């Protein structure tokens, strides 16, 4: 039969495994909804001729929409897409990001938006052409189109244009995200599966095993988790003998009798140098080997009460922060621990 601490470790491992699998399932479903794009990204661009272009009614429903089209000639409309950068409402830069050309395909014309120089070959995604875009291309002051020929040109236009704007870039980003996610999935699912099968390997379980009979320690900790002195953020609970974290995905436990050092940490927040508030945490360092420190976030009054309670339960511990204490704790941990143990012995005597 598992003791309470082992049960808590297993429960958190199961929850994390379930969360990872749910996220994986959501990712698969979202990717599946983009199968039209994926097919075009992997198999395209598809070469389309005049007959195939003429049969397209709605490019949004076209299975093959990442295409390559060859024209007879290319006409520069003289219209450009200009990207303007502003900072604080003041223009700081502008650059030409795309040109609009008209590709002659037999008797018809196909507009092409591309950052590349003009060419009789265009590759990109088929995008529906709206009336606003056509008006801009044919009526723009800088347009090379003769206004008297605008209506005749309108009748020759396809109802879509080619947008040559890095079609595969989004796919590369998603692929990279899947590679990163797959790596994290492998690492953390493997870790949590091992903990579920062998919870004894968890640092918290190993720490608690040094405190005595696992069943007795677990029962005491469970009782304290139900009769608390204080509650704080992150699922932390302060009891008479233990400091316990019972969050959705995390579990941890320390004993007051192992406390070495405690102090309050204050973080000031500001936006554009204007103060917006402060956050508080009680930083506790314990003599329990590796990963023996925690920062409990809460309101200022709760943090002060935690530190007061820490002094009551562990009067030998050092309370308060200084750069000298930090230096000794980081560089000479054995000396720091020995000094606290000496204080503890003197308090007991």
Protein backbone atom coordinates (compact mmCIF):
# COMPACT_ATOMS: atom_id res chain seq x y z
CA UNK A 1 0.00 0.00 0.00
CA UNK A 2 1.35 3.43 -0.97
CA UNK A 3 1.79 6.10 1.69
CA UNK A 4 0.11 9.49 1.22
CA UNK A 5 3.19 11.23 -0.23
CA UNK A 6 3.63 8.53 -2.88
CA UNK A 7 -0.08 8.80 -3.71
CA UNK A 8 0.30 12.55 -4.24
CA UNK A 9 3.31 12.05 -6.54
CA UNK A 10 1.43 9.46 -8.61
CA UNK A 11 -1.66 11.66 -8.85
CA UNK A 12 0.39 14.61 -10.18
CA UNK A 13 2.19 12.35 -12.65
CA UNK A 14 -1.14 11.08 -13.99
CA UNK A 15 -2.47 14.62 -14.32
CA UNK A 16 0.60 15.81 -16.20
CA UNK A 17 0.45 12.79 -18.52
CA UNK A 18 -3.22 13.45 -19.21
CA UNK A 19 -2.52 17.15 -19.87
CA UNK A 20 0.28 16.35 -22.33
CA UNK A 21 -1.91 13.84 -24.17
CA UNK A 22 -4.80 16.32 -24.35
CA UNK A 23 -2.51 19.03 -25.76
CA UNK A 24 -1.13 16.50 -28.25
CA UNK A 25 -4.65 15.56 -29.30
CA UNK A 26 -5.63 19.22 -29.75
CA UNK A 27 -2.51 19.78 -31.85
CA UNK A 28 -3.32 16.80 -34.06
CA UNK A 29 -6.92 18.02 -34.54
CA UNK A 30 -5.77 21.55 -35.43
CA UNK A 31 -3.22 20.17 -37.87
CA UNK A 32 -5.87 17.92 -39.44
CA UNK A 33 -8.08 20.95 -40.15
CA UNK A 34 -5.22 22.36 -42.25
CA UNK A 35 -4.78 19.30 -44.45
CA UNK A 36 -5.60 21.33 -47.60
CA UNK A 37 -2.67 23.62 -46.85
CA UNK A 38 -0.43 20.67 -45.92
CA UNK A 39 -1.14 18.87 -49.21
CA UNK A 40 -0.35 22.00 -51.20
CA UNK A 41 2.75 22.72 -49.11
CA UNK A 42 4.14 19.21 -49.58
CA UNK A 43 3.05 18.47 -53.15
CA UNK A 44 2.86 21.94 -54.71
CA UNK A 45 3.31 24.12 -56.51
CA UNK A 46 0.97 22.69 -59.15
CA UNK A 47 1.37 23.92 -62.71
CA UNK A 48 -1.93 25.24 -64.11
CA UNK A 49 -2.64 26.09 -67.75
CA UNK A 50 -5.22 28.47 -69.25
CA UNK A 51 -7.97 25.81 -69.35
CA UNK A 52 -7.48 24.89 -65.69
CA UNK A 53 -7.37 28.54 -64.65
CA UNK A 54 -10.54 29.25 -66.59
CA UNK A 55 -12.42 26.45 -64.81
CA UNK A 56 -11.77 27.88 -61.35
CA UNK A 57 -14.85 29.55 -59.88
CA UNK A 58 -13.81 29.94 -56.24
CA UNK A 59 -10.11 29.63 -55.31
CA UNK A 60 -11.08 29.22 -51.64
CA UNK A 61 -12.60 25.84 -52.49
CA UNK A 62 -9.91 24.87 -54.97
CA UNK A 63 -8.02 21.75 -53.81
CA UNK A 64 -4.83 22.84 -55.56
CA UNK A 65 -4.28 26.50 -54.83
CA UNK A 66 -0.48 26.71 -54.50
CA UNK A 67 0.32 26.99 -58.18
CA UNK A 68 2.79 27.94 -60.86
CA UNK A 69 1.46 29.81 -63.90
CA UNK A 70 3.31 30.60 -67.13
CA UNK A 71 2.22 33.66 -69.08
CA UNK A 72 2.94 35.09 -72.51
CA UNK A 73 4.07 38.47 -71.20
CA UNK A 74 4.25 40.48 -67.97
CA UNK A 75 2.90 44.01 -67.57
CA UNK A 76 4.08 46.23 -64.72
CA UNK A 77 1.03 48.05 -63.32
CA UNK A 78 3.25 50.56 -61.52
CA UNK A 79 1.39 49.89 -58.25
CA UNK A 80 3.44 48.98 -55.21
CA UNK A 81 2.72 47.82 -51.68
CA UNK A 82 4.55 50.06 -49.23
CA UNK A 83 5.04 49.16 -45.57
CA UNK A 84 5.34 52.16 -43.25
CA UNK A 85 6.88 51.87 -39.78
CA UNK A 86 5.83 54.34 -37.09
CA UNK A 87 6.97 54.88 -33.53
CA UNK A 88 4.79 56.91 -31.21
CA UNK A 89 2.73 58.08 -34.19
CA UNK A 90 5.81 59.36 -36.05
CA UNK A 91 6.93 57.69 -39.27
CA UNK A 92 10.39 56.15 -38.85
CA UNK A 93 10.72 54.27 -42.10
CA UNK A 94 9.06 52.88 -45.20
CA UNK A 95 9.93 50.31 -47.81
CA UNK A 96 8.43 48.65 -50.86
CA UNK A 97 7.37 45.12 -49.92
CA UNK A 98 5.55 44.02 -53.07
CA UNK A 99 4.84 44.94 -56.70
CA UNK A 100 1.68 44.24 -58.69
CA UNK A 101 2.04 42.87 -62.21
CA UNK A 102 -0.47 41.69 -64.79
CA UNK A 103 0.40 38.37 -66.39
CA UNK A 104 -1.00 37.95 -69.90
CA UNK A 105 -2.31 34.40 -70.43
CA UNK A 106 -3.77 34.25 -73.90
CA UNK A 107 -6.58 36.82 -74.07
CA UNK A 108 -6.93 37.07 -70.29
CA UNK A 109 -4.98 38.79 -67.50
CA UNK A 110 -3.96 37.51 -64.07
CA UNK A 111 -2.70 39.92 -61.42
CA UNK A 112 0.37 38.85 -59.48
CA UNK A 113 1.53 40.28 -56.15
CA UNK A 114 5.21 39.55 -55.58
CA UNK A 115 8.32 41.07 -53.99
CA UNK A 116 10.39 39.66 -56.86
CA UNK A 117 11.24 41.31 -60.19
CA UNK A 118 8.69 40.91 -62.98
CA UNK A 119 8.65 37.58 -64.80
CA UNK A 120 6.41 35.65 -67.16
CA UNK A 121 6.29 32.85 -64.56
CA UNK A 122 4.47 33.34 -61.25
CA UNK A 123 4.30 31.01 -58.25
CA UNK A 124 2.10 31.50 -55.18
CA UNK A 125 -1.31 31.04 -53.64
CA UNK A 126 -4.54 31.74 -55.50
CA UNK A 127 -6.46 34.48 -53.64
CA UNK A 128 -9.92 35.88 -54.48
CA UNK A 129 -9.78 39.35 -56.04
CA UNK A 130 -12.13 41.88 -54.49
CA UNK A 131 -13.46 44.96 -56.27
CA UNK A 132 -11.48 47.29 -54.00
CA UNK A 133 -8.18 45.75 -55.08
CA UNK A 134 -9.13 45.96 -58.76
CA UNK A 135 -10.14 49.62 -58.36
CA UNK A 136 -6.81 50.39 -56.75
CA UNK A 137 -4.81 48.57 -59.40
CA UNK A 138 -6.65 50.15 -62.33
CA UNK A 139 -7.38 53.57 -60.85
CA UNK A 140 -4.25 54.28 -58.79
CA UNK A 141 -2.58 57.57 -59.83
CA UNK A 142 0.73 55.74 -60.22
CA UNK A 143 -0.84 52.91 -62.23
CA UNK A 144 0.54 52.32 -65.72
CA UNK A 145 -2.92 51.32 -66.92
CA UNK A 146 -4.61 53.77 -69.33
CA UNK A 147 -7.92 54.82 -67.69
CA UNK A 148 -9.67 54.56 -71.05
CA UNK A 149 -8.76 50.86 -71.19
CA UNK A 150 -9.71 50.07 -67.58
CA UNK A 151 -13.12 48.62 -68.42
CA UNK A 152 -11.75 46.42 -71.16
CA UNK A 153 -9.08 45.12 -68.79
CA UNK A 154 -11.68 44.38 -66.11
CA UNK A 155 -13.48 42.06 -68.52
CA UNK A 156 -10.28 40.11 -69.14
CA UNK A 157 -9.35 39.65 -65.48
CA UNK A 158 -9.58 36.37 -63.62
CA UNK A 159 -11.59 36.51 -60.38
CA UNK A 160 -8.43 35.74 -58.41
CA UNK A 161 -4.78 36.71 -58.32
CA UNK A 162 -1.51 35.07 -57.30
CA UNK A 163 0.06 36.12 -53.99
CA UNK A 164 3.74 35.17 -54.03
CA UNK A 165 4.31 35.70 -50.31
CA UNK A 166 6.40 32.81 -48.92
CA UNK A 167 3.64 30.21 -49.06
CA UNK A 168 5.66 27.60 -47.18
CA UNK A 169 6.88 29.94 -44.42
CA UNK A 170 3.89 29.17 -42.19
CA UNK A 171 4.44 25.46 -42.76
CA UNK A 172 8.07 25.71 -41.71
CA UNK A 173 7.05 27.54 -38.54
CA UNK A 174 4.43 24.90 -37.69
CA UNK A 175 6.89 22.10 -38.47
CA UNK A 176 9.46 23.70 -36.18
CA UNK A 177 6.83 24.05 -33.46
CA UNK A 178 5.94 20.36 -33.83
CA UNK A 179 9.62 19.37 -33.58
CA UNK A 180 10.02 21.39 -30.37
CA UNK A 181 6.72 20.11 -28.97
CA UNK A 182 7.61 16.53 -29.91
CA UNK A 183 10.91 16.84 -28.05
CA UNK A 184 9.20 18.24 -24.96
CA UNK A 185 6.49 15.59 -25.21
CA UNK A 186 9.09 12.83 -25.31
CA UNK A 187 11.09 14.26 -22.38
CA UNK A 188 8.22 15.02 -20.03
CA UNK A 189 5.93 12.11 -20.87
CA UNK A 190 8.87 9.77 -20.41
CA UNK A 191 9.71 11.43 -17.08
CA UNK A 192 6.15 11.30 -15.77
CA UNK A 193 5.65 7.73 -16.92
CA UNK A 194 8.79 6.72 -15.00
CA UNK A 195 7.56 8.54 -11.91
CA UNK A 196 4.18 6.87 -12.21
CA UNK A 197 5.87 3.45 -12.40
CA UNK A 198 8.56 4.24 -9.85
CA UNK A 199 7.52 7.13 -7.56
CA UNK A 200 10.35 6.24 -5.17
CA UNK A 201 12.75 7.96 -7.60
CA UNK A 202 11.09 11.35 -7.04
CA UNK A 203 13.25 13.77 -4.94
CA UNK A 204 10.28 14.55 -2.67
CA UNK A 205 9.77 10.87 -1.83
CA UNK A 206 13.50 10.39 -1.24
CA UNK A 207 13.50 13.44 1.05
CA UNK A 208 10.52 12.21 3.06
CA UNK A 209 12.05 8.74 3.46
CA UNK A 210 14.78 10.29 5.61
CA UNK A 211 12.18 11.53 8.10
CA UNK A 212 11.11 8.13 9.38
CA UNK A 213 8.50 5.48 8.65
CA UNK A 214 6.84 6.43 5.34
CA UNK A 215 3.33 5.48 6.49
CA UNK A 216 3.64 7.51 9.69
CA UNK A 217 5.17 10.53 7.96
CA UNK A 218 2.55 10.36 5.21
CA UNK A 219 -0.31 10.13 7.68
CA UNK A 220 1.03 13.12 9.68
CA UNK A 221 1.47 15.19 6.52
CA UNK A 222 -2.01 14.30 5.30
CA UNK A 223 -3.56 15.38 8.62
CA UNK A 224 -1.71 18.69 8.44
CA UNK A 225 -2.85 19.26 4.88
CA UNK A 226 -6.42 19.19 6.18
CA UNK A 227 -5.83 21.44 9.20
CA UNK A 228 -3.83 24.39 8.00
CA UNK A 229 -2.39 27.43 9.66
CA UNK A 230 -1.99 29.45 6.44
CA UNK A 231 -2.70 29.17 2.70
CA UNK A 232 -0.66 30.89 0.00
CA UNK A 233 -0.33 31.02 -3.78
CA UNK A 234 0.75 28.07 -5.90
CA UNK A 235 -1.09 25.58 -3.71
CA UNK A 236 1.25 26.09 -0.74
CA UNK A 237 -0.10 25.20 2.71
CA UNK A 238 1.62 26.00 5.99
CA UNK A 239 1.13 23.60 8.87
CA UNK A 240 2.55 23.12 12.35
CA UNK A 241 5.27 20.72 11.22
CA UNK A 242 5.27 20.84 7.43
CA UNK A 243 5.15 23.22 4.48
CA UNK A 244 3.18 21.44 1.75
CA UNK A 245 2.47 22.30 -1.87
CA UNK A 246 -0.66 20.71 -3.34
CA UNK A 247 -1.09 22.31 -6.77
CA UNK A 248 -2.83 20.80 -9.78
CA UNK A 249 0.39 19.48 -11.32
CA UNK A 250 2.89 19.87 -8.48
CA UNK A 251 3.47 18.42 -5.05
CA UNK A 252 6.22 19.24 -2.56
CA UNK A 253 6.79 19.00 1.17
CA UNK A 254 9.36 20.34 3.66
CA UNK A 255 9.75 20.18 7.44
CA UNK A 256 10.08 23.26 9.62
CA UNK A 257 12.72 21.39 11.61
CA UNK A 258 15.01 21.51 8.54
CA UNK A 259 14.71 25.26 7.99
CA UNK A 260 18.04 27.09 7.59
CA UNK A 261 17.21 30.53 6.24
CA UNK A 262 14.07 32.55 5.54
CA UNK A 263 13.50 36.02 4.14
CA UNK A 264 11.01 38.18 2.26
CA UNK A 265 11.53 38.94 -1.42
CA UNK A 266 9.84 42.01 -2.94
CA UNK A 267 9.55 42.48 -6.71
CA UNK A 268 8.60 45.92 -7.96
CA UNK A 269 6.82 46.18 -11.35
CA UNK A 270 6.72 49.24 -13.60
CA UNK A 271 5.70 50.22 -17.13
CA UNK A 272 7.72 52.99 -18.76
CA UNK A 273 9.29 53.67 -15.36
CA UNK A 274 5.84 54.19 -13.79
CA UNK A 275 5.33 51.89 -10.75
CA UNK A 276 2.41 49.52 -11.22
CA UNK A 277 2.67 47.39 -8.09
CA UNK A 278 4.69 44.93 -6.05
CA UNK A 279 4.69 41.17 -5.55
CA UNK A 280 5.85 39.40 -2.40
CA UNK A 281 7.21 35.96 -1.64
CA UNK A 282 8.59 34.13 1.37
CA UNK A 283 11.87 32.45 0.39
CA UNK A 284 12.63 29.37 2.49
CA UNK A 285 15.85 27.35 2.40
CA UNK A 286 15.91 23.91 4.01
CA UNK A 287 18.71 21.51 4.95
CA UNK A 288 17.40 18.62 2.86
CA UNK A 289 19.95 18.24 0.08
CA UNK A 290 19.24 19.28 -3.52
CA UNK A 291 16.15 21.29 -4.51
CA UNK A 292 15.75 22.35 -0.91
CA UNK A 293 14.50 25.88 -1.52
CA UNK A 294 11.14 27.37 -2.37
CA UNK A 295 9.56 30.79 -2.82
CA UNK A 296 5.95 31.04 -1.64
CA UNK A 297 4.11 33.90 -3.31
CA UNK A 298 1.29 35.63 -1.47
CA UNK A 299 0.11 39.04 -0.31
CA UNK A 300 2.38 41.05 1.95
CA UNK A 301 0.44 40.24 5.13
CA UNK A 302 0.45 36.49 4.42
CA UNK A 303 4.18 36.54 3.59
CA UNK A 304 4.92 38.38 6.85
CA UNK A 305 2.80 35.87 8.75
CA UNK A 306 4.65 32.94 7.13
CA UNK A 307 8.00 34.40 8.19
CA UNK A 308 6.71 35.03 11.72
CA UNK A 309 5.48 31.46 11.88
CA UNK A 310 8.83 30.22 10.53
CA UNK A 311 10.59 31.98 13.40
CA UNK A 312 8.18 30.39 15.87
CA UNK A 313 8.63 26.86 14.50
CA UNK A 314 12.36 27.15 13.76
CA UNK A 315 13.83 29.81 16.10
CA UNK A 316 17.37 28.68 15.22
CA UNK A 317 16.95 29.60 11.53
CA UNK A 318 18.39 32.83 10.18
CA UNK A 319 15.68 35.35 9.35
CA UNK A 320 16.30 38.25 6.97
CA UNK A 321 18.37 38.89 3.87
CA UNK A 322 21.77 40.47 3.30
CA UNK A 323 24.35 40.26 0.52
CA UNK A 324 26.87 38.78 2.98
CA UNK A 325 24.48 35.98 3.95
CA UNK A 326 23.80 35.27 0.29
CA UNK A 327 27.52 35.03 -0.46
CA UNK A 328 28.15 32.60 2.38
CA UNK A 329 25.08 30.52 1.53
CA UNK A 330 26.08 30.21 -2.15
CA UNK A 331 29.84 29.80 -1.79
CA UNK A 332 30.19 28.14 1.62
CA UNK A 333 26.98 26.16 2.15
CA UNK A 334 28.55 23.74 4.63
CA UNK A 335 29.72 26.62 6.84
CA UNK A 336 26.25 28.18 6.65
CA UNK A 337 24.60 24.91 7.60
CA UNK A 338 27.08 24.27 10.41
CA UNK A 339 26.42 27.72 11.88
CA UNK A 340 22.65 27.10 11.84
CA UNK A 341 23.11 23.65 13.39
CA UNK A 342 25.14 25.23 16.17
CA UNK A 343 22.36 27.76 16.79
CA UNK A 344 19.87 24.88 16.81
CA UNK A 345 21.90 22.95 19.39
CA UNK A 346 22.19 25.97 21.64
CA UNK A 347 18.44 26.63 21.40
CA UNK A 348 17.69 23.05 22.42
CA UNK A 349 20.13 23.15 25.32
